[in-house]
């Protein structure tokens, strides 16, 4: 029923926003880990 790349609509928009938020969160975590490893070195 729920396939990737289905028809547009509110669900697709919400999924796109969720993916964007996850990408931003992953980038923030990666930057924090890099800064932490530099600070502890």
PDB file of N, CA and C in Angstrom:
ATOM      1  N   UNK A   1       0.836  -1.206   0.000  1.00  0.00           N
ATOM      2  CA  UNK A   1       0.000   0.000   0.000  1.00  0.00           C
ATOM      3  C   UNK A   1       0.870   1.256   0.000  1.00  0.00           C
ATOM      4  N   UNK A   2       1.818   1.321   0.930  1.00  0.00           N
ATOM      5  CA  UNK A   2       2.671   2.513   0.992  1.00  0.00           C
ATOM      6  C   UNK A   2       3.977   2.251   0.261  1.00  0.00           C
ATOM      7  N   UNK A   3       4.062   2.657  -0.997  1.00  0.00           N
ATOM      8  CA  UNK A   3       5.273   2.454  -1.764  1.00  0.00           C
ATOM      9  C   UNK A   3       6.095   3.734  -1.820  1.00  0.00           C
ATOM     10  N   UNK A   4       7.372   3.593  -2.065  1.00  0.00           N
ATOM     11  CA  UNK A   4       8.217   4.784  -2.181  1.00  0.00           C
ATOM     12  C   UNK A   4       7.917   5.479  -3.508  1.00  0.00           C
ATOM     13  N   UNK A   5       7.901   6.794  -3.497  1.00  0.00           N
ATOM     14  CA  UNK A   5       7.650   7.542  -4.718  1.00  0.00           C
ATOM     15  C   UNK A   5       6.242   7.389  -5.233  1.00  0.00           C
ATOM     16  N   UNK A   6       5.279   7.361  -4.335  1.00  0.00           N
ATOM     17  CA  UNK A   6       3.890   7.255  -4.760  1.00  0.00           C
ATOM     18  C   UNK A   6       3.397   8.602  -5.254  1.00  0.00           C
ATOM     19  N   UNK A   7       2.072   8.740  -5.366  1.00  0.00           N
ATOM     20  CA  UNK A   7       1.488  10.000  -5.802  1.00  0.00           C
ATOM     21  C   UNK A   7       1.740  11.076  -4.750  1.00  0.00           C
ATOM     22  N   UNK A   8       1.725  12.321  -5.179  1.00  0.00           N
ATOM     23  CA  UNK A   8       1.975  13.430  -4.264  1.00  0.00           C
ATOM     24  C   UNK A   8       0.869  13.600  -3.242  1.00  0.00           C
ATOM     25  N   UNK A   9       0.868  14.749  -2.607  1.00  0.00           N
ATOM     26  CA  UNK A   9      -0.152  14.999  -1.598  1.00  0.00           C
ATOM     27  C   UNK A   9       0.470  15.351  -0.267  1.00  0.00           C
ATOM     28  N   UNK A  10      -0.385  15.403   0.768  1.00  0.00           N
ATOM     29  CA  UNK A  10       0.119  15.781   2.096  1.00  0.00           C
ATOM     30  C   UNK A  10       1.092  14.749   2.638  1.00  0.00           C
ATOM     31  N   UNK A  11       0.828  13.453   2.391  1.00  0.00           N
ATOM     32  CA  UNK A  11       1.703  12.410   2.920  1.00  0.00           C
ATOM     33  C   UNK A  11       3.102  12.526   2.333  1.00  0.00           C
ATOM     34  N   UNK A  12       3.200  12.758   1.030  1.00  0.00           N
ATOM     35  CA  UNK A  12       4.507  12.882   0.382  1.00  0.00           C
ATOM     36  C   UNK A  12       5.243  14.110   0.917  1.00  0.00           C
ATOM     37  N   UNK A  13       4.517  15.197   1.125  1.00  0.00           N
ATOM     38  CA  UNK A  13       5.142  16.413   1.637  1.00  0.00           C
ATOM     39  C   UNK A  13       5.670  16.192   3.047  1.00  0.00           C
ATOM     40  N   UNK A  14       4.879  15.516   3.881  1.00  0.00           N
ATOM     41  CA  UNK A  14       5.303  15.250   5.260  1.00  0.00           C
ATOM     42  C   UNK A  14       6.509  14.313   5.268  1.00  0.00           C
ATOM     43  N   UNK A  15       6.494  13.306   4.377  1.00  0.00           N
ATOM     44  CA  UNK A  15       7.625  12.381   4.312  1.00  0.00           C
ATOM     45  C   UNK A  15       8.887  13.111   3.858  1.00  0.00           C
ATOM     46  N   UNK A  16       8.736  14.038   2.890  1.00  0.00           N
ATOM     47  CA  UNK A  16       9.896  14.797   2.413  1.00  0.00           C
ATOM     48  C   UNK A  16      10.463  15.661   3.533  1.00  0.00           C
ATOM     49  N   UNK A  17       9.565  16.289   4.320  1.00  0.00           N
ATOM     50  CA  UNK A  17      10.015  17.122   5.428  1.00  0.00           C
ATOM     51  C   UNK A  17      10.704  16.273   6.496  1.00  0.00           C
ATOM     52  N   UNK A  18      10.181  15.061   6.734  1.00  0.00           N
ATOM     53  CA  UNK A  18      10.783  14.167   7.717  1.00  0.00           C
ATOM     54  C   UNK A  18      12.168  13.737   7.272  1.00  0.00           C
ATOM     55  N   UNK A  19      12.325  13.403   5.993  1.00  0.00           N
ATOM     56  CA  UNK A  19      13.638  13.010   5.476  1.00  0.00           C
ATOM     57  C   UNK A  19      14.614  14.173   5.580  1.00  0.00           C
ATOM     58  N   UNK A  20      14.165  15.388   5.263  1.00  0.00           N
ATOM     59  CA  UNK A  20      15.038  16.559   5.364  1.00  0.00           C
ATOM     60  C   UNK A  20      15.467  16.781   6.810  1.00  0.00           C
ATOM     61  N   UNK A  21      14.548  16.618   7.752  1.00  0.00           N
ATOM     62  CA  UNK A  21      14.890  16.792   9.162  1.00  0.00           C
ATOM     63  C   UNK A  21      15.898  15.736   9.603  1.00  0.00           C
ATOM     64  N   UNK A  22      15.743  14.497   9.125  1.00  0.00           N
ATOM     65  CA  UNK A  22      16.683  13.441   9.490  1.00  0.00           C
ATOM     66  C   UNK A  22      18.073  13.715   8.916  1.00  0.00           C
ATOM     67  N   UNK A  23      18.129  14.242   7.686  1.00  0.00           N
ATOM     68  CA  UNK A  23      19.419  14.566   7.072  1.00  0.00           C
ATOM     69  C   UNK A  23      20.110  15.679   7.861  1.00  0.00           C
ATOM     70  N   UNK A  24      19.354  16.715   8.237  1.00  0.00           N
ATOM     71  CA  UNK A  24      19.926  17.818   9.018  1.00  0.00           C
ATOM     72  C   UNK A  24      20.408  17.300  10.366  1.00  0.00           C
ATOM     73  N   UNK A  25      19.629  16.437  11.016  1.00  0.00           N
ATOM     74  CA  UNK A  25      20.026  15.882  12.311  1.00  0.00           C
ATOM     75  C   UNK A  25      21.301  15.065  12.176  1.00  0.00           C
ATOM     76  N   UNK A  26      21.408  14.273  11.113  1.00  0.00           N
ATOM     77  CA  UNK A  26      22.617  13.469  10.899  1.00  0.00           C
ATOM     78  C   UNK A  26      23.829  14.365  10.685  1.00  0.00           C
ATOM     79  N   UNK A  27      23.667  15.464   9.946  1.00  0.00           N
ATOM     80  CA  UNK A  27      24.777  16.381   9.719  1.00  0.00           C
ATOM     81  C   UNK A  27      25.206  17.053  11.018  1.00  0.00           C
ATOM     82  N   UNK A  28      24.236  17.437  11.855  1.00  0.00           N
ATOM     83  CA  UNK A  28      24.556  18.064  13.137  1.00  0.00           C
ATOM     84  C   UNK A  28      25.301  17.082  14.032  1.00  0.00           C
ATOM     85  N   UNK A  29      24.849  15.821  14.069  1.00  0.00           N
ATOM     86  CA  UNK A  29      25.521  14.818  14.884  1.00  0.00           C
ATOM     87  C   UNK A  29      26.940  14.566  14.388  1.00  0.00           C
ATOM     88  N   UNK A  30      27.126  14.518  13.077  1.00  0.00           N
ATOM     89  CA  UNK A  30      28.458  14.298  12.514  1.00  0.00           C
ATOM     90  C   UNK A  30      29.378  15.466  12.856  1.00  0.00           C
ATOM     91  N   UNK A  31      28.866  16.696  12.759  1.00  0.00           N
ATOM     92  CA  UNK A  31      29.678  17.865  13.097  1.00  0.00           C
ATOM     93  C   UNK A  31      30.030  17.864  14.577  1.00  0.00           C
ATOM     94  N   UNK A  32      29.076  17.513  15.430  1.00  0.00           N
ATOM     95  CA  UNK A  32      29.337  17.470  16.871  1.00  0.00           C
ATOM     96  C   UNK A  32      30.379  16.410  17.194  1.00  0.00           C
ATOM     97  N   UNK A  33      30.315  15.251  16.553  1.00  0.00           N
ATOM     98  CA  UNK A  33      31.284  14.191  16.797  1.00  0.00           C
ATOM     99  C   UNK A  33      32.675  14.632  16.342  1.00  0.00           C
ATOM    100  N   UNK A  34      32.755  15.338  15.206  1.00  0.00           N
ATOM    101  CA  UNK A  34      34.045  15.816  14.711  1.00  0.00           C
ATOM    102  C   UNK A  34      34.635  16.845  15.678  1.00  0.00           C
ATOM    103  N   UNK A  35      33.832  17.791  16.120  1.00  0.00           N
ATOM    104  CA  UNK A  35      34.311  18.819  17.042  1.00  0.00           C
ATOM    105  C   UNK A  35      34.755  18.185  18.355  1.00  0.00           C
ATOM    106  N   UNK A  36      33.974  17.215  18.826  1.00  0.00           N
ATOM    107  CA  UNK A  36      34.317  16.542  20.083  1.00  0.00           C
ATOM    108  C   UNK A  36      35.629  15.782  19.968  1.00  0.00           C
ATOM    109  N   UNK A  37      35.810  15.088  18.856  1.00  0.00           N
ATOM    110  CA  UNK A  37      37.052  14.319  18.694  1.00  0.00           C
ATOM    111  C   UNK A  37      38.260  15.254  18.573  1.00  0.00           C
ATOM    112  N   UNK A  38      38.088  16.425  17.947  1.00  0.00           N
ATOM    113  CA  UNK A  38      39.182  17.385  17.853  1.00  0.00           C
ATOM    114  C   UNK A  38      39.469  17.973  19.234  1.00  0.00           C
ATOM    115  N   UNK A  39      38.417  18.266  19.997  1.00  0.00           N
ATOM    116  CA  UNK A  39      38.607  18.867  21.320  1.00  0.00           C
ATOM    117  C   UNK A  39      39.277  17.886  22.279  1.00  0.00           C
ATOM    118  N   UNK A  40      38.954  16.595  22.157  1.00  0.00           N
ATOM    119  CA  UNK A  40      39.534  15.617  23.070  1.00  0.00           C
ATOM    120  C   UNK A  40      40.927  15.155  22.640  1.00  0.00           C
ATOM    121  N   UNK A  41      41.314  15.461  21.420  1.00  0.00           N
ATOM    122  CA  UNK A  41      42.624  14.999  20.939  1.00  0.00           C
ATOM    123  C   UNK A  41      43.761  15.801  21.558  1.00  0.00           C
TER     124      UNK A  41
END
